[in-house]
Every structure is written in C-alpha cells, then in structure tokens.
Amino acid sequence: MAQSVSRALHAIKRYNARPEQIDQAILSAINVTLCLASGGDDRVAEGFNADVALSGRGFGLRH
C-alpha cells in the first residue's frame, strides 16, 4: 500500500475521524499517490476523480 494511503488510514484511526471525513482522507491520499507515481501529471489523478464521480452517480441504483 502506498505510504500516503497508510498515513491517511493511521490518521483516521488516531483522530477518530467522522464517517464523512474518511472518504475525503482516503481519496486525497490516493490522489497524492497517483500524482507522485505519474511524475506530477495531474491528469492521472483527474482521470481517477472522474471515474469515481461517474461510478458514484449510480451507486445503489439497480435496474
């Protein structure tokens, strides 16, 4: 697991994060990891964010 994600998980536990804070902390850590792994290409993280946004729109809706 990437160090930034591990740190986010430790911070969530240490500071007893509220449920609405957990998603933001993990997504932020993933974005940092993607930017670092891509050599600073923010389009990689933006692509990930777009995928998450598209997936989340229909979450829970089953037809």
C-alpha atoms as a PDB file:
ATOM      1  CA  MET A   1       0.000   0.000   0.000  1.00  0.00           C
ATOM      2  CA  ALA A   2       1.273   3.478  -0.804  1.00  0.00           C
ATOM      3  CA  GLN A   3       2.708   5.406   2.127  1.00  0.00           C
ATOM      4  CA  SER A   4       0.238   8.261   1.711  1.00  0.00           C
ATOM      5  CA  VAL A   5      -2.717   5.871   1.964  1.00  0.00           C
ATOM      6  CA  SER A   6      -1.185   4.158   5.000  1.00  0.00           C
ATOM      7  CA  ARG A   7      -0.697   7.538   6.671  1.00  0.00           C
ATOM      8  CA  ALA A   8      -4.292   8.502   5.910  1.00  0.00           C
ATOM      9  CA  LEU A   9      -5.569   5.287   7.468  1.00  0.00           C
ATOM     10  CA  HIS A  10      -3.439   5.849  10.585  1.00  0.00           C
ATOM     11  CA  ALA A  11      -4.670   9.448  10.868  1.00  0.00           C
ATOM     12  CA  ILE A  12      -8.290   8.313  10.510  1.00  0.00           C
ATOM     13  CA  LYS A  13      -7.811   5.904  13.396  1.00  0.00           C
ATOM     14  CA  ARG A  14      -5.707   8.272  15.544  1.00  0.00           C
ATOM     15  CA  TYR A  15      -8.106  11.208  15.271  1.00  0.00           C
ATOM     16  CA  ASN A  16     -11.279   9.115  15.297  1.00  0.00           C
ATOM     17  CA  ALA A  17     -12.458  10.645  12.041  1.00  0.00           C
ATOM     18  CA  ARG A  18     -16.151  11.044  11.392  1.00  0.00           C
ATOM     19  CA  PRO A  19     -17.579   8.896   8.586  1.00  0.00           C
ATOM     20  CA  GLU A  20     -17.902  11.849   6.220  1.00  0.00           C
ATOM     21  CA  GLN A  21     -14.197  12.623   6.696  1.00  0.00           C
ATOM     22  CA  ILE A  22     -12.980   9.111   5.905  1.00  0.00           C
ATOM     23  CA  ASP A  23     -13.799   9.136   2.187  1.00  0.00           C
ATOM     24  CA  GLN A  24     -12.163  12.520   1.700  1.00  0.00           C
ATOM     25  CA  ALA A  25      -8.989  11.480   3.536  1.00  0.00           C
ATOM     26  CA  ILE A  26      -8.603   8.281   1.536  1.00  0.00           C
ATOM     27  CA  LEU A  27      -9.411   9.902  -1.822  1.00  0.00           C
ATOM     28  CA  SER A  28      -6.926  12.677  -1.102  1.00  0.00           C
ATOM     29  CA  ALA A  29      -4.228  10.146  -0.261  1.00  0.00           C
ATOM     30  CA  ILE A  30      -4.937   8.205  -3.453  1.00  0.00           C
ATOM     31  CA  ASN A  31      -4.713  11.428  -5.470  1.00  0.00           C
ATOM     32  CA  VAL A  32      -1.342  12.260  -3.917  1.00  0.00           C
ATOM     33  CA  THR A  33      -0.093   8.762  -4.686  1.00  0.00           C
ATOM     34  CA  LEU A  34      -1.267   8.978  -8.306  1.00  0.00           C
ATOM     35  CA  CYS A  35       0.368  12.368  -8.808  1.00  0.00           C
ATOM     36  CA  LEU A  36       3.667  11.169  -7.337  1.00  0.00           C
ATOM     37  CA  ALA A  37       3.622   7.880  -9.257  1.00  0.00           C
ATOM     38  CA  SER A  38       2.927   9.701 -12.534  1.00  0.00           C
ATOM     39  CA  GLY A  39       5.762  12.163 -12.052  1.00  0.00           C
ATOM     40  CA  GLY A  40       3.439  15.055 -11.325  1.00  0.00           C
ATOM     41  CA  ASP A  41       0.986  14.522 -14.174  1.00  0.00           C
ATOM     42  CA  ASP A  42      -2.228  15.773 -12.585  1.00  0.00           C
ATOM     43  CA  ARG A  43      -4.263  14.352 -15.484  1.00  0.00           C
ATOM     44  CA  VAL A  44      -3.781  10.892 -13.977  1.00  0.00           C
ATOM     45  CA  ALA A  45      -5.408  11.914 -10.696  1.00  0.00           C
ATOM     46  CA  GLU A  46      -8.104  13.867 -12.536  1.00  0.00           C
ATOM     47  CA  GLY A  47      -8.931  10.754 -14.564  1.00  0.00           C
ATOM     48  CA  PHE A  48      -9.272   8.796 -11.340  1.00  0.00           C
ATOM     49  CA  ASN A  49     -11.510  11.505  -9.872  1.00  0.00           C
ATOM     50  CA  ALA A  50     -13.707  11.456 -12.983  1.00  0.00           C
ATOM     51  CA  ASP A  51     -14.032   7.670 -12.725  1.00  0.00           C
ATOM     52  CA  VAL A  52     -15.025   7.911  -9.064  1.00  0.00           C
ATOM     53  CA  ALA A  53     -17.576  10.629  -9.837  1.00  0.00           C
ATOM     54  CA  LEU A  54     -19.118   8.622 -12.672  1.00  0.00           C
ATOM     55  CA  SER A  55     -19.263   5.456 -10.591  1.00  0.00           C
ATOM     56  CA  GLY A  56     -20.812   7.261  -7.651  1.00  0.00           C
ATOM     57  CA  ARG A  57     -23.705   8.743  -9.592  1.00  0.00           C
ATOM     58  CA  GLY A  58     -25.482   5.433  -9.992  1.00  0.00           C
ATOM     59  CA  PHE A  59     -24.322   3.790  -6.800  1.00  0.00           C
ATOM     60  CA  GLY A  60     -27.084   1.768  -5.231  1.00  0.00           C
ATOM     61  CA  LEU A  61     -29.370   2.043  -8.255  1.00  0.00           C
ATOM     62  CA  ARG A  62     -30.168  -1.348  -9.719  1.00  0.00           C
ATOM     63  CA  HIS A  63     -32.420  -1.723 -12.725  1.00  0.00           C
END
